[in-house]
Amino acid sequence: MGTDMSTPATTRLDPVRPGRLWFGFAASAAAWMGLGLADILITWKACMGQEQFGGASAHPGMRILSFVITLALLAVAVTAGVMSYRNWRRLSGEVRLRDAEGKERREFMALLGVFVSLTLGVGILWLGVPLLVIELCVRTR
């Protein structure tokens, strides 16, 4: 008479909100794609005059803008990776990452977010490092 049958006796509270889980899973991929698009648009805008009129190299402001965007999107990827790692730590019973298994959907998403963020973070660095040593318009040839 006094028991409520609508809720199970072993109800587990979810320690990770879905928004945090999805951000950790998808933000680094969105940052990587955004950097690719920004790189194309900035390079196209900066180098169009040089190719058409044989002028000097691109304006230094465009190189700085591209570098700032790269750093900002790298920060997004690092934040997503750290958030995914924290999500995984809350959801997993494993102590070490090398022993991790995605046993359920949320744990799998958190674990995949760690690896995707790591991989695409390196990709963002790989796209950003040439800005330090190669001229913006030379890089596109």
N, C-alpha and C. Protein backbone atom coordinates (compact mmCIF):
# COMPACT_ATOMS: atom_id res chain seq x y z
N MET A 1 0.80 -1.19 0.00
CA MET A 1 0.00 0.00 0.00
C MET A 1 0.84 1.26 0.00
N GLY A 2 1.97 1.25 0.69
CA GLY A 2 2.77 2.43 0.83
C GLY A 2 3.88 2.55 -0.21
N THR A 3 4.04 1.58 -1.10
CA THR A 3 5.13 1.63 -2.07
C THR A 3 4.63 2.17 -3.40
N ASP A 4 5.45 2.95 -4.03
CA ASP A 4 5.12 3.51 -5.33
C ASP A 4 5.79 2.64 -6.39
N MET A 5 5.02 2.01 -7.25
CA MET A 5 5.55 1.09 -8.24
C MET A 5 6.09 1.80 -9.48
N SER A 6 5.92 3.12 -9.58
CA SER A 6 6.36 3.82 -10.78
C SER A 6 7.87 4.07 -10.81
N THR A 7 8.52 4.04 -9.66
CA THR A 7 9.97 4.25 -9.64
C THR A 7 10.65 3.00 -9.08
N PRO A 8 11.70 2.54 -9.74
CA PRO A 8 12.40 1.37 -9.23
C PRO A 8 13.13 1.69 -7.93
N ALA A 9 13.38 0.66 -7.15
CA ALA A 9 14.02 0.84 -5.86
C ALA A 9 15.48 1.26 -6.01
N THR A 10 16.10 0.92 -7.12
CA THR A 10 17.53 1.22 -7.31
C THR A 10 17.70 2.34 -8.35
N THR A 11 17.02 3.42 -8.17
CA THR A 11 17.15 4.56 -9.08
C THR A 11 18.51 5.20 -8.88
N ARG A 12 19.25 5.36 -10.00
CA ARG A 12 20.58 5.96 -9.94
C ARG A 12 20.52 7.36 -10.53
N LEU A 13 21.02 8.31 -9.79
CA LEU A 13 21.06 9.67 -10.30
C LEU A 13 22.16 9.79 -11.35
N ASP A 14 21.88 10.51 -12.42
CA ASP A 14 22.84 10.67 -13.49
C ASP A 14 23.86 11.73 -13.10
N PRO A 15 25.15 11.38 -12.95
CA PRO A 15 26.13 12.36 -12.52
C PRO A 15 26.60 13.29 -13.64
N VAL A 16 26.25 13.00 -14.88
CA VAL A 16 26.69 13.82 -16.01
C VAL A 16 25.47 14.29 -16.79
N ARG A 17 25.35 15.61 -16.90
CA ARG A 17 24.24 16.17 -17.67
C ARG A 17 24.45 15.90 -19.15
N PRO A 18 23.38 15.72 -19.91
CA PRO A 18 23.53 15.44 -21.35
C PRO A 18 24.25 16.55 -22.12
N GLY A 19 24.07 17.81 -21.74
CA GLY A 19 24.75 18.90 -22.43
C GLY A 19 26.26 18.82 -22.29
N ARG A 20 26.73 18.45 -21.11
CA ARG A 20 28.17 18.28 -20.89
C ARG A 20 28.70 17.09 -21.69
N LEU A 21 27.92 16.05 -21.76
CA LEU A 21 28.32 14.86 -22.51
C LEU A 21 28.42 15.16 -24.00
N TRP A 22 27.43 15.86 -24.54
CA TRP A 22 27.45 16.19 -25.98
C TRP A 22 28.51 17.23 -26.31
N PHE A 23 28.76 18.18 -25.43
CA PHE A 23 29.82 19.15 -25.68
C PHE A 23 31.17 18.45 -25.75
N GLY A 24 31.45 17.59 -24.79
CA GLY A 24 32.71 16.86 -24.79
C GLY A 24 32.86 15.96 -26.01
N PHE A 25 31.75 15.44 -26.48
CA PHE A 25 31.76 14.53 -27.61
C PHE A 25 31.94 15.25 -28.95
N ALA A 26 31.30 16.42 -29.12
CA ALA A 26 31.22 17.04 -30.44
C ALA A 26 31.97 18.36 -30.60
N ALA A 27 32.35 19.02 -29.53
CA ALA A 27 32.92 20.37 -29.66
C ALA A 27 34.25 20.39 -30.38
N SER A 28 35.11 19.42 -30.14
CA SER A 28 36.41 19.43 -30.83
C SER A 28 36.24 19.18 -32.32
N ALA A 29 35.30 18.35 -32.71
CA ALA A 29 35.04 18.14 -34.13
C ALA A 29 34.51 19.42 -34.78
N ALA A 30 33.62 20.11 -34.08
CA ALA A 30 33.11 21.38 -34.60
C ALA A 30 34.22 22.42 -34.68
N ALA A 31 35.12 22.44 -33.70
CA ALA A 31 36.24 23.39 -33.72
C ALA A 31 37.18 23.09 -34.89
N TRP A 32 37.44 21.82 -35.14
CA TRP A 32 38.32 21.44 -36.24
C TRP A 32 37.71 21.84 -37.59
N MET A 33 36.42 21.58 -37.75
CA MET A 33 35.75 21.97 -39.00
C MET A 33 35.69 23.48 -39.13
N GLY A 34 35.44 24.18 -38.03
CA GLY A 34 35.41 25.64 -38.05
C GLY A 34 36.76 26.23 -38.41
N LEU A 35 37.83 25.62 -37.93
CA LEU A 35 39.16 26.10 -38.29
C LEU A 35 39.44 25.90 -39.77
N GLY A 36 39.04 24.78 -40.30
CA GLY A 36 39.22 24.55 -41.74
C GLY A 36 38.48 25.57 -42.57
N LEU A 37 37.25 25.86 -42.19
CA LEU A 37 36.46 26.86 -42.92
C LEU A 37 37.05 28.25 -42.76
N ALA A 38 37.43 28.62 -41.55
CA ALA A 38 38.04 29.93 -41.31
C ALA A 38 39.35 30.07 -42.06
N ASP A 39 40.14 29.01 -42.11
CA ASP A 39 41.41 29.04 -42.82
C ASP A 39 41.20 29.28 -44.31
N ILE A 40 40.22 28.61 -44.88
CA ILE A 40 39.92 28.81 -46.30
C ILE A 40 39.48 30.24 -46.57
N LEU A 41 38.56 30.74 -45.76
CA LEU A 41 38.01 32.08 -45.99
C LEU A 41 39.06 33.18 -45.77
N ILE A 42 39.84 33.07 -44.70
CA ILE A 42 40.86 34.08 -44.41
C ILE A 42 41.94 34.07 -45.48
N THR A 43 42.40 32.89 -45.86
CA THR A 43 43.45 32.79 -46.87
C THR A 43 42.95 33.30 -48.21
N TRP A 44 41.72 32.98 -48.56
CA TRP A 44 41.15 33.44 -49.82
C TRP A 44 41.07 34.96 -49.84
N LYS A 45 40.58 35.54 -48.76
CA LYS A 45 40.44 37.00 -48.68
C LYS A 45 41.81 37.68 -48.68
N ALA A 46 42.76 37.13 -47.94
CA ALA A 46 44.07 37.77 -47.81
C ALA A 46 44.91 37.64 -49.06
N CYS A 47 44.77 36.57 -49.79
CA CYS A 47 45.68 36.30 -50.91
C CYS A 47 45.07 36.59 -52.27
N MET A 48 43.81 36.97 -52.32
CA MET A 48 43.16 37.24 -53.60
C MET A 48 43.85 38.39 -54.33
N GLY A 49 44.18 39.46 -53.63
CA GLY A 49 44.84 40.61 -54.26
C GLY A 49 46.23 40.28 -54.73
N GLN A 50 46.93 39.46 -54.01
CA GLN A 50 48.29 39.09 -54.38
C GLN A 50 48.29 38.26 -55.66
N GLU A 51 47.38 37.35 -55.80
CA GLU A 51 47.32 36.50 -56.98
C GLU A 51 46.87 37.28 -58.21
N GLN A 52 45.92 38.20 -58.04
CA GLN A 52 45.40 38.94 -59.19
C GLN A 52 46.33 40.05 -59.63
N PHE A 53 46.95 40.74 -58.69
CA PHE A 53 47.72 41.93 -59.03
C PHE A 53 49.21 41.80 -58.77
N GLY A 54 49.65 40.65 -58.28
CA GLY A 54 51.07 40.44 -58.04
C GLY A 54 51.63 41.34 -56.95
N GLY A 55 50.81 41.73 -56.02
CA GLY A 55 51.23 42.64 -54.96
C GLY A 55 52.04 41.95 -53.89
N ALA A 56 52.28 42.68 -52.84
CA ALA A 56 53.04 42.15 -51.71
C ALA A 56 52.25 41.05 -51.02
N SER A 57 52.87 40.45 -50.04
CA SER A 57 52.21 39.37 -49.32
C SER A 57 50.99 39.90 -48.56
N ALA A 58 50.26 38.98 -48.00
CA ALA A 58 49.02 39.32 -47.31
C ALA A 58 49.27 40.26 -46.14
N HIS A 59 48.26 40.99 -45.80
CA HIS A 59 48.31 41.92 -44.67
C HIS A 59 48.62 41.14 -43.39
N PRO A 60 49.53 41.65 -42.55
CA PRO A 60 49.88 40.92 -41.32
C PRO A 60 48.69 40.72 -40.37
N GLY A 61 47.70 41.58 -40.46
CA GLY A 61 46.52 41.43 -39.61
C GLY A 61 45.76 40.14 -39.90
N MET A 62 45.78 39.70 -41.14
CA MET A 62 45.09 38.46 -41.49
C MET A 62 45.82 37.25 -40.87
N ARG A 63 47.12 37.31 -40.85
CA ARG A 63 47.90 36.23 -40.24
C ARG A 63 47.64 36.19 -38.73
N ILE A 64 47.58 37.35 -38.11
CA ILE A 64 47.29 37.42 -36.67
C ILE A 64 45.88 36.92 -36.39
N LEU A 65 44.92 37.33 -37.23
CA LEU A 65 43.54 36.86 -37.07
C LEU A 65 43.46 35.35 -37.18
N SER A 66 44.14 34.80 -38.15
CA SER A 66 44.14 33.35 -38.32
C SER A 66 44.76 32.65 -37.12
N PHE A 67 45.83 33.22 -36.58
CA PHE A 67 46.49 32.64 -35.42
C PHE A 67 45.60 32.71 -34.18
N VAL A 68 44.91 33.83 -34.00
CA VAL A 68 44.00 33.99 -32.85
C VAL A 68 42.84 33.00 -32.94
N ILE A 69 42.29 32.85 -34.13
CA ILE A 69 41.20 31.88 -34.32
C ILE A 69 41.69 30.47 -34.03
N THR A 70 42.90 30.16 -34.48
CA THR A 70 43.47 28.84 -34.21
C THR A 70 43.62 28.60 -32.72
N LEU A 71 44.13 29.58 -31.99
CA LEU A 71 44.29 29.43 -30.53
C LEU A 71 42.94 29.28 -29.83
N ALA A 72 41.96 30.06 -30.26
CA ALA A 72 40.63 29.98 -29.64
C ALA A 72 40.00 28.61 -29.87
N LEU A 73 40.11 28.10 -31.09
CA LEU A 73 39.51 26.80 -31.37
C LEU A 73 40.31 25.65 -30.75
N LEU A 74 41.61 25.84 -30.58
CA LEU A 74 42.40 24.86 -29.84
C LEU A 74 41.96 24.82 -28.37
N ALA A 75 41.65 25.99 -27.82
CA ALA A 75 41.15 26.05 -26.44
C ALA A 75 39.80 25.33 -26.32
N VAL A 76 38.96 25.45 -27.34
CA VAL A 76 37.68 24.72 -27.33
C VAL A 76 37.92 23.22 -27.34
N ALA A 77 38.86 22.76 -28.18
CA ALA A 77 39.16 21.33 -28.25
C ALA A 77 39.74 20.81 -26.94
N VAL A 78 40.62 21.59 -26.33
CA VAL A 78 41.21 21.17 -25.05
C VAL A 78 40.13 21.14 -23.97
N THR A 79 39.26 22.12 -23.95
CA THR A 79 38.16 22.14 -22.98
C THR A 79 37.25 20.94 -23.17
N ALA A 80 36.94 20.61 -24.42
CA ALA A 80 36.11 19.44 -24.70
C ALA A 80 36.79 18.16 -24.24
N GLY A 81 38.09 18.07 -24.46
CA GLY A 81 38.82 16.88 -24.02
C GLY A 81 38.85 16.74 -22.51
N VAL A 82 39.10 17.83 -21.81
CA VAL A 82 39.12 17.79 -20.35
C VAL A 82 37.73 17.46 -19.81
N MET A 83 36.70 18.05 -20.42
CA MET A 83 35.34 17.76 -19.98
C MET A 83 34.98 16.30 -20.23
N SER A 84 35.39 15.77 -21.38
CA SER A 84 35.13 14.36 -21.68
C SER A 84 35.85 13.45 -20.70
N TYR A 85 37.08 13.79 -20.36
CA TYR A 85 37.82 12.98 -19.39
C TYR A 85 37.13 13.00 -18.02
N ARG A 86 36.70 14.16 -17.60
CA ARG A 86 35.98 14.25 -16.32
C ARG A 86 34.66 13.49 -16.37
N ASN A 87 33.97 13.59 -17.50
CA ASN A 87 32.72 12.82 -17.66
C ASN A 87 33.01 11.32 -17.56
N TRP A 88 34.06 10.89 -18.23
CA TRP A 88 34.42 9.47 -18.20
C TRP A 88 34.76 9.03 -16.77
N ARG A 89 35.50 9.87 -16.04
CA ARG A 89 35.86 9.52 -14.66
C ARG A 89 34.61 9.37 -13.79
N ARG A 90 33.60 10.18 -14.06
CA ARG A 90 32.36 10.08 -13.26
C ARG A 90 31.56 8.84 -13.64
N LEU A 91 31.61 8.45 -14.90
CA LEU A 91 30.77 7.35 -15.37
C LEU A 91 31.43 5.98 -15.28
N SER A 92 32.75 5.95 -15.30
CA SER A 92 33.46 4.68 -15.36
C SER A 92 33.91 4.23 -13.98
N GLY A 93 34.01 2.94 -13.84
CA GLY A 93 34.55 2.38 -12.63
C GLY A 93 36.05 2.13 -12.73
N GLU A 94 36.62 2.35 -13.90
CA GLU A 94 38.04 2.12 -14.13
C GLU A 94 38.87 3.26 -13.55
N VAL A 95 40.08 2.93 -13.14
CA VAL A 95 40.98 3.92 -12.58
C VAL A 95 41.86 4.52 -13.66
N ARG A 96 42.35 3.68 -14.55
CA ARG A 96 43.28 4.12 -15.60
C ARG A 96 42.57 4.17 -16.95
N LEU A 97 42.96 5.13 -17.74
CA LEU A 97 42.36 5.31 -19.06
C LEU A 97 42.70 4.14 -19.98
N ARG A 98 43.86 3.54 -19.82
CA ARG A 98 44.23 2.43 -20.70
C ARG A 98 43.39 1.18 -20.46
N ASP A 99 42.71 1.10 -19.33
CA ASP A 99 41.83 -0.03 -19.04
C ASP A 99 40.37 0.28 -19.34
N ALA A 100 40.12 1.42 -19.96
CA ALA A 100 38.75 1.88 -20.16
C ALA A 100 38.00 1.04 -21.18
N GLU A 101 36.72 0.90 -20.93
CA GLU A 101 35.79 0.27 -21.85
C GLU A 101 34.51 1.10 -21.84
N GLY A 102 33.95 1.31 -23.00
CA GLY A 102 32.67 2.01 -23.07
C GLY A 102 31.54 1.00 -22.92
N LYS A 103 31.16 0.72 -21.70
CA LYS A 103 30.20 -0.33 -21.43
C LYS A 103 28.76 0.08 -21.70
N GLU A 104 28.49 1.36 -21.64
CA GLU A 104 27.16 1.87 -21.95
C GLU A 104 27.31 3.12 -22.79
N ARG A 105 26.21 3.61 -23.33
CA ARG A 105 26.25 4.72 -24.27
C ARG A 105 26.94 5.96 -23.70
N ARG A 106 26.60 6.38 -22.52
CA ARG A 106 27.17 7.60 -21.95
C ARG A 106 28.66 7.45 -21.69
N GLU A 107 29.08 6.32 -21.17
CA GLU A 107 30.50 6.09 -20.93
C GLU A 107 31.26 6.02 -22.26
N PHE A 108 30.66 5.41 -23.27
CA PHE A 108 31.28 5.33 -24.59
C PHE A 108 31.43 6.72 -25.20
N MET A 109 30.39 7.55 -25.08
CA MET A 109 30.46 8.91 -25.62
C MET A 109 31.55 9.72 -24.92
N ALA A 110 31.67 9.58 -23.62
CA ALA A 110 32.70 10.31 -22.87
C ALA A 110 34.09 9.83 -23.28
N LEU A 111 34.27 8.53 -23.40
CA LEU A 111 35.56 7.98 -23.78
C LEU A 111 35.92 8.36 -25.21
N LEU A 112 34.96 8.29 -26.11
CA LEU A 112 35.21 8.70 -27.49
C LEU A 112 35.52 10.19 -27.57
N GLY A 113 34.87 10.99 -26.73
CA GLY A 113 35.17 12.42 -26.69
C GLY A 113 36.60 12.70 -26.30
N VAL A 114 37.16 11.90 -25.40
CA VAL A 114 38.57 12.06 -25.01
C VAL A 114 39.47 11.82 -26.21
N PHE A 115 39.25 10.73 -26.92
CA PHE A 115 40.12 10.38 -28.04
C PHE A 115 39.92 11.29 -29.25
N VAL A 116 38.69 11.68 -29.52
CA VAL A 116 38.44 12.61 -30.64
C VAL A 116 39.05 13.97 -30.33
N SER A 117 38.92 14.44 -29.11
CA SER A 117 39.51 15.73 -28.74
C SER A 117 41.03 15.70 -28.83
N LEU A 118 41.62 14.61 -28.41
CA LEU A 118 43.06 14.48 -28.51
C LEU A 118 43.52 14.48 -29.97
N THR A 119 42.86 13.68 -30.78
CA THR A 119 43.23 13.58 -32.19
C THR A 119 43.01 14.89 -32.94
N LEU A 120 41.85 15.49 -32.78
CA LEU A 120 41.56 16.72 -33.51
C LEU A 120 42.29 17.91 -32.91
N GLY A 121 42.63 17.86 -31.65
CA GLY A 121 43.49 18.91 -31.06
C GLY A 121 44.86 18.91 -31.72
N VAL A 122 45.40 17.72 -31.95
CA VAL A 122 46.67 17.63 -32.69
C VAL A 122 46.49 18.13 -34.12
N GLY A 123 45.34 17.85 -34.72
CA GLY A 123 45.04 18.35 -36.07
C GLY A 123 44.97 19.87 -36.10
N ILE A 124 44.40 20.47 -35.09
CA ILE A 124 44.34 21.93 -35.01
C ILE A 124 45.74 22.51 -34.87
N LEU A 125 46.56 21.88 -34.04
CA LEU A 125 47.96 22.32 -33.93
C LEU A 125 48.68 22.18 -35.27
N TRP A 126 48.43 21.09 -35.96
CA TRP A 126 49.06 20.82 -37.25
C TRP A 126 48.67 21.90 -38.28
N LEU A 127 47.45 22.39 -38.21
CA LEU A 127 47.02 23.47 -39.11
C LEU A 127 47.55 24.83 -38.67
N GLY A 128 47.82 24.99 -37.37
CA GLY A 128 48.22 26.28 -36.86
C GLY A 128 49.71 26.54 -36.85
N VAL A 129 50.52 25.52 -36.73
CA VAL A 129 51.97 25.70 -36.65
C VAL A 129 52.55 26.37 -37.90
N PRO A 130 52.12 26.05 -39.10
CA PRO A 130 52.70 26.74 -40.27
C PRO A 130 52.51 28.25 -40.26
N LEU A 131 51.52 28.74 -39.52
CA LEU A 131 51.32 30.19 -39.43
C LEU A 131 52.51 30.89 -38.78
N LEU A 132 53.26 30.16 -37.98
CA LEU A 132 54.41 30.73 -37.30
C LEU A 132 55.63 30.84 -38.19
N VAL A 133 55.73 29.99 -39.20
CA VAL A 133 56.97 29.93 -39.97
C VAL A 133 56.80 30.20 -41.46
N ILE A 134 55.60 30.07 -41.98
CA ILE A 134 55.37 30.23 -43.41
C ILE A 134 54.39 31.37 -43.64
N GLU A 135 54.66 32.16 -44.64
CA GLU A 135 53.76 33.26 -45.01
C GLU A 135 52.39 32.70 -45.38
N LEU A 136 51.35 33.45 -45.08
CA LEU A 136 49.98 32.98 -45.26
C LEU A 136 49.69 32.56 -46.71
N CYS A 137 50.09 33.37 -47.66
CA CYS A 137 49.79 33.07 -49.06
C CYS A 137 50.73 32.01 -49.65
N VAL A 138 51.92 31.90 -49.13
CA VAL A 138 52.86 30.86 -49.60
C VAL A 138 52.35 29.49 -49.19
N ARG A 139 51.71 29.43 -48.05
CA ARG A 139 51.20 28.17 -47.52
C ARG A 139 50.15 27.52 -48.43
N THR A 140 49.46 28.31 -49.22
CA THR A 140 48.38 27.77 -50.05
C THR A 140 48.86 27.23 -51.39
N ARG A 141 50.05 27.51 -51.76
CA ARG A 141 50.53 27.05 -53.07
C ARG A 141 50.95 25.64 -53.09
